[in-house]
Amino acid sequence: MDKVVSEALRLPPQARAFIAEKLIESLDAEPGEKLSPAWIEAIRRRCREVDDGAVELRAAEEVFAKAYLALEGDGYQFRSEAPCRDLFCPFGAPSC
């Protein structure tokens, strides 16, 4: 798998964006279901922004931690019966 990633990273930006689009489609769509033109354009735009350095990428852990804090500030209560302490667990938060 490392070889595939390494080779893909050597491709020109447009080719990497195309591959990224196809990979995202494979994760988000049911078999046989097509992405809407709006989603396809959004994916292409985001790939261009990343390739051009127009956007700042942040670690998912940072983004989720900030979101959890914002939710707590709005009075949202995380479920105490969370089965784990994983930051990405849909039942928990860093403090669960």
C-alpha atoms as a PDB file:
ATOM      1  CA  MET A   1       0.000   0.000   0.000  1.00  0.00           C
ATOM      2  CA  ASP A   2       2.889   2.386   0.731  1.00  0.00           C
ATOM      3  CA  LYS A   3       4.076   1.915  -2.848  1.00  0.00           C
ATOM      4  CA  VAL A   4       0.664   2.918  -4.227  1.00  0.00           C
ATOM      5  CA  VAL A   5       0.542   6.037  -2.048  1.00  0.00           C
ATOM      6  CA  SER A   6       4.112   6.969  -2.926  1.00  0.00           C
ATOM      7  CA  GLU A   7       3.426   6.631  -6.642  1.00  0.00           C
ATOM      8  CA  ALA A   8       0.154   8.568  -6.377  1.00  0.00           C
ATOM      9  CA  LEU A   9       1.897  11.455  -4.615  1.00  0.00           C
ATOM     10  CA  ARG A  10       4.269  11.823  -7.573  1.00  0.00           C
ATOM     11  CA  LEU A  11       1.369  12.444  -9.955  1.00  0.00           C
ATOM     12  CA  PRO A  12       0.478  15.963 -11.119  1.00  0.00           C
ATOM     13  CA  PRO A  13      -2.121  17.822  -9.001  1.00  0.00           C
ATOM     14  CA  GLN A  14      -4.999  17.200 -11.422  1.00  0.00           C
ATOM     15  CA  ALA A  15      -4.374  13.457 -11.448  1.00  0.00           C
ATOM     16  CA  ARG A  16      -4.164  13.374  -7.629  1.00  0.00           C
ATOM     17  CA  ALA A  17      -7.438  15.314  -7.424  1.00  0.00           C
ATOM     18  CA  PHE A  18      -9.112  12.836  -9.776  1.00  0.00           C
ATOM     19  CA  ILE A  19      -7.900   9.890  -7.703  1.00  0.00           C
ATOM     20  CA  ALA A  20      -8.992  11.608  -4.487  1.00  0.00           C
ATOM     21  CA  GLU A  21     -12.431  12.208  -5.988  1.00  0.00           C
ATOM     22  CA  LYS A  22     -12.808   8.561  -6.930  1.00  0.00           C
ATOM     23  CA  LEU A  23     -11.632   7.367  -3.505  1.00  0.00           C
ATOM     24  CA  ILE A  24     -14.045   9.695  -1.708  1.00  0.00           C
ATOM     25  CA  GLU A  25     -16.871   8.549  -3.965  1.00  0.00           C
ATOM     26  CA  SER A  26     -16.087   4.950  -3.050  1.00  0.00           C
ATOM     27  CA  LEU A  27     -16.396   5.738   0.678  1.00  0.00           C
ATOM     28  CA  ASP A  28     -19.458   7.947   0.686  1.00  0.00           C
ATOM     29  CA  ALA A  29     -21.735   6.418  -1.914  1.00  0.00           C
ATOM     30  CA  GLU A  30     -23.782   3.257  -1.888  1.00  0.00           C
ATOM     31  CA  PRO A  31     -22.803   0.852  -4.650  1.00  0.00           C
ATOM     32  CA  GLY A  32     -24.216   2.136  -7.899  1.00  0.00           C
ATOM     33  CA  GLU A  33     -25.150   5.501  -6.416  1.00  0.00           C
ATOM     34  CA  LYS A  34     -23.634   8.511  -8.167  1.00  0.00           C
ATOM     35  CA  LEU A  35     -22.530  11.743  -6.527  1.00  0.00           C
ATOM     36  CA  SER A  36     -24.498  14.803  -7.446  1.00  0.00           C
ATOM     37  CA  PRO A  37     -22.843  17.372  -9.704  1.00  0.00           C
ATOM     38  CA  ALA A  38     -22.689  19.753  -6.721  1.00  0.00           C
ATOM     39  CA  TRP A  39     -20.704  17.232  -4.646  1.00  0.00           C
ATOM     40  CA  ILE A  40     -18.387  16.487  -7.538  1.00  0.00           C
ATOM     41  CA  GLU A  41     -17.663  20.194  -7.985  1.00  0.00           C
ATOM     42  CA  ALA A  42     -17.140  20.649  -4.221  1.00  0.00           C
ATOM     43  CA  ILE A  43     -14.628  17.779  -4.170  1.00  0.00           C
ATOM     44  CA  ARG A  44     -12.759  19.171  -7.156  1.00  0.00           C
ATOM     45  CA  ARG A  45     -12.719  22.679  -5.652  1.00  0.00           C
ATOM     46  CA  ARG A  46     -11.425  21.396  -2.298  1.00  0.00           C
ATOM     47  CA  CYS A  47      -8.730  19.318  -3.995  1.00  0.00           C
ATOM     48  CA  ARG A  48      -7.596  22.372  -5.966  1.00  0.00           C
ATOM     49  CA  GLU A  49      -7.529  24.472  -2.778  1.00  0.00           C
ATOM     50  CA  VAL A  50      -5.392  21.861  -1.007  1.00  0.00           C
ATOM     51  CA  ASP A  51      -3.040  21.441  -3.967  1.00  0.00           C
ATOM     52  CA  ASP A  52      -2.666  25.222  -4.347  1.00  0.00           C
ATOM     53  CA  GLY A  53      -2.049  25.746  -0.630  1.00  0.00           C
ATOM     54  CA  ALA A  54      -5.084  28.047  -0.461  1.00  0.00           C
ATOM     55  CA  VAL A  55      -6.481  26.355   2.652  1.00  0.00           C
ATOM     56  CA  GLU A  56      -4.934  25.477   5.984  1.00  0.00           C
ATOM     57  CA  LEU A  57      -5.242  21.797   6.845  1.00  0.00           C
ATOM     58  CA  ARG A  58      -5.754  20.921  10.496  1.00  0.00           C
ATOM     59  CA  ALA A  59      -5.540  17.634  12.372  1.00  0.00           C
ATOM     60  CA  ALA A  60      -8.892  15.912  12.862  1.00  0.00           C
ATOM     61  CA  GLU A  61      -8.201  15.598  16.593  1.00  0.00           C
ATOM     62  CA  GLU A  62      -7.927  19.395  16.866  1.00  0.00           C
ATOM     63  CA  VAL A  63     -11.122  19.969  14.900  1.00  0.00           C
ATOM     64  CA  PHE A  64     -13.148  17.443  16.904  1.00  0.00           C
ATOM     65  CA  ALA A  65     -11.815  18.702  20.244  1.00  0.00           C
ATOM     66  CA  LYS A  66     -12.846  22.252  19.324  1.00  0.00           C
ATOM     67  CA  ALA A  67     -16.288  21.030  18.215  1.00  0.00           C
ATOM     68  CA  TYR A  68     -16.801  19.119  21.469  1.00  0.00           C
ATOM     69  CA  LEU A  69     -15.914  22.213  23.477  1.00  0.00           C
ATOM     70  CA  ALA A  70     -18.348  24.316  21.462  1.00  0.00           C
ATOM     71  CA  LEU A  71     -21.114  21.767  21.993  1.00  0.00           C
ATOM     72  CA  GLU A  72     -20.446  21.661  25.739  1.00  0.00           C
ATOM     73  CA  GLY A  73     -20.711  25.458  25.824  1.00  0.00           C
ATOM     74  CA  ASP A  74     -24.179  25.192  24.255  1.00  0.00           C
ATOM     75  CA  GLY A  75     -25.311  22.879  27.028  1.00  0.00           C
ATOM     76  CA  TYR A  76     -24.962  19.684  25.034  1.00  0.00           C
ATOM     77  CA  GLN A  77     -24.395  16.708  27.318  1.00  0.00           C
ATOM     78  CA  PHE A  78     -22.337  13.811  26.047  1.00  0.00           C
ATOM     79  CA  ARG A  79     -23.724  10.368  26.789  1.00  0.00           C
ATOM     80  CA  SER A  80     -22.087   8.945  29.888  1.00  0.00           C
ATOM     81  CA  GLU A  81     -22.633   5.343  28.752  1.00  0.00           C
ATOM     82  CA  ALA A  82     -20.044   5.765  26.003  1.00  0.00           C
ATOM     83  CA  PRO A  83     -18.387   2.392  25.364  1.00  0.00           C
ATOM     84  CA  CYS A  84     -14.938   3.920  24.905  1.00  0.00           C
ATOM     85  CA  ARG A  85     -12.795   7.004  25.324  1.00  0.00           C
ATOM     86  CA  ASP A  86     -11.942   7.287  21.652  1.00  0.00           C
ATOM     87  CA  LEU A  87     -12.081  10.904  20.411  1.00  0.00           C
ATOM     88  CA  PHE A  88     -13.877   9.769  17.265  1.00  0.00           C
ATOM     89  CA  CYS A  89     -16.443   7.645  19.085  1.00  0.00           C
ATOM     90  CA  PRO A  90     -19.942   8.916  18.214  1.00  0.00           C
ATOM     91  CA  PHE A  91     -20.981   8.403  21.834  1.00  0.00           C
ATOM     92  CA  GLY A  92     -18.168  10.156  23.614  1.00  0.00           C
ATOM     93  CA  ALA A  93     -15.837  13.041  23.918  1.00  0.00           C
ATOM     94  CA  PRO A  94     -12.357  13.596  25.295  1.00  0.00           C
ATOM     95  CA  SER A  95     -13.882  13.775  28.766  1.00  0.00           C
ATOM     96  CA  CYS A  96     -16.270  10.812  28.522  1.00  0.00           C
END
